Amino acid sequence: MDARERYDDLADFLTFRYDFVEQRQMMGMPCVTARGRIVAGFSKGEDAMVFKLPDAEQREAALALDGAHLFDPSGRRQPFREWVVVPAAHAERWEELAEHALRPSG
């Protein structure tokens, strides 16, 4: 199964499991939204999943994964500070990270 198929399966699962989760196309990528806000997406250019992780501990743990980095959609070295790109090599962690991203922040 390729990375996009893994993303699609996870997005479908999350949409089925939680009534506050929807799938949309935003920022030029397929996204998972919770309560109307983007919490995850699929970066086709990087063949990776992107997660919004407001909790600093979770974000640092995700960034510690080999190849993970802050999401910089503009490519201008202005990354989104709470967003982490997690490569397909760590797809087994995507569900766990999605669960963290779905938690309400603040």
Protein backbone atom coordinates (compact mmCIF):
# COMPACT_ATOMS: atom_id res chain seq x y z
CA MET A 1 0.00 0.00 0.00
CA ASP A 2 1.45 3.38 -0.95
CA ALA A 3 1.52 6.45 1.30
CA ARG A 4 -1.55 8.10 -0.24
CA GLU A 5 -3.59 4.91 0.19
CA ARG A 6 -2.50 4.74 3.84
CA TYR A 7 -3.55 8.37 4.29
CA ASP A 8 -6.93 7.74 2.63
CA ASP A 9 -7.56 4.68 4.83
CA LEU A 10 -6.68 6.61 7.98
CA ALA A 11 -8.79 9.64 6.96
CA ASP A 12 -11.75 7.35 6.24
CA PHE A 13 -11.30 5.60 9.59
CA LEU A 14 -11.15 8.89 11.51
CA THR A 15 -14.22 10.22 9.69
CA PHE A 16 -16.12 7.04 10.56
CA ARG A 17 -14.94 6.97 14.18
CA TYR A 18 -15.53 10.63 15.12
CA ASP A 19 -18.64 12.63 14.25
CA PHE A 20 -16.68 15.91 14.43
CA VAL A 21 -14.15 14.86 11.76
CA GLU A 22 -14.52 15.66 8.06
CA GLN A 23 -12.33 15.39 4.99
CA ARG A 24 -11.71 18.42 2.80
CA GLN A 25 -9.30 19.81 0.26
CA MET A 26 -7.47 22.79 1.79
CA MET A 27 -4.08 24.44 1.28
CA GLY A 28 -3.77 22.44 -1.93
CA MET A 29 -3.87 19.09 -0.17
CA PRO A 30 -6.38 16.57 1.13
CA CYS A 31 -7.02 17.35 4.80
CA VAL A 32 -8.68 16.01 7.90
CA THR A 33 -10.60 18.63 9.83
CA ALA A 34 -11.92 18.50 13.38
CA ARG A 35 -14.53 20.96 14.52
CA GLY A 36 -13.91 22.94 11.32
CA ARG A 37 -10.13 23.26 11.74
CA ILE A 38 -7.40 21.47 9.81
CA VAL A 39 -5.57 18.96 12.01
CA ALA A 40 -3.82 16.76 9.43
CA GLY A 41 -3.23 16.40 5.73
CA PHE A 42 -1.30 14.62 3.03
CA SER A 43 1.65 16.36 1.36
CA LYS A 44 1.85 14.74 -2.05
CA GLY A 45 5.16 16.43 -2.83
CA GLU A 46 6.76 14.82 0.21
CA ASP A 47 4.71 11.61 0.16
CA ALA A 48 4.09 12.25 3.85
CA MET A 49 1.40 13.09 6.35
CA VAL A 50 1.30 16.46 8.07
CA PHE A 51 -0.04 16.88 11.63
CA LYS A 52 -0.89 19.91 13.72
CA LEU A 53 0.55 19.12 17.14
CA PRO A 54 0.02 22.04 19.55
CA ASP A 55 1.34 20.00 22.49
CA ALA A 56 5.09 20.71 22.60
CA GLU A 57 5.97 17.26 23.95
CA GLN A 58 4.07 15.46 21.19
CA ARG A 59 5.50 17.79 18.56
CA GLU A 60 9.08 17.19 19.74
CA ALA A 61 8.51 13.43 19.76
CA ALA A 62 7.24 13.59 16.18
CA LEU A 63 10.16 15.79 15.11
CA ALA A 64 12.55 13.20 16.58
CA LEU A 65 11.43 10.68 13.93
CA ASP A 66 13.96 10.25 11.13
CA GLY A 67 13.08 12.57 8.25
CA ALA A 68 10.36 14.47 10.14
CA HIS A 69 10.46 18.26 10.03
CA LEU A 70 8.32 21.35 10.46
CA PHE A 71 5.85 21.96 7.63
CA ASP A 72 6.85 24.82 5.31
CA PRO A 73 4.18 24.92 2.60
CA SER A 74 5.53 28.13 1.03
CA GLY A 75 9.09 26.82 0.77
CA ARG A 76 10.32 30.19 2.06
CA ARG A 77 11.79 28.91 5.31
CA GLN A 78 8.75 30.07 7.25
CA PRO A 79 7.50 26.79 8.70
CA PHE A 80 4.28 26.47 10.62
CA ARG A 81 5.54 26.04 14.19
CA GLU A 82 2.93 23.48 15.29
CA TRP A 83 2.87 21.42 12.09
CA VAL A 84 5.08 18.38 11.57
CA VAL A 85 5.67 16.45 8.34
CA VAL A 86 6.04 12.73 9.08
CA PRO A 87 7.37 10.63 6.18
CA ALA A 88 5.72 7.42 4.99
CA ALA A 89 8.61 5.48 6.56
CA HIS A 90 6.78 6.14 9.85
CA ALA A 91 3.25 5.41 8.60
CA GLU A 92 2.79 3.00 11.51
CA ARG A 93 2.81 6.11 13.76
CA TRP A 94 0.30 8.11 11.72
CA GLU A 95 -2.79 6.92 13.58
CA GLU A 96 -1.26 7.75 16.96
CA LEU A 97 -0.21 11.20 15.73
CA ALA A 98 -3.65 11.81 14.23
CA GLU A 99 -5.22 11.03 17.59
CA HIS A 100 -2.99 13.66 19.22
CA ALA A 101 -3.85 16.17 16.50
CA LEU A 102 -7.58 15.60 17.07
CA ARG A 103 -7.40 16.58 20.73
CA PRO A 104 -8.80 20.05 21.35
CA SER A 105 -6.05 22.56 22.10
CA GLY A 106 -6.16 25.31 24.67
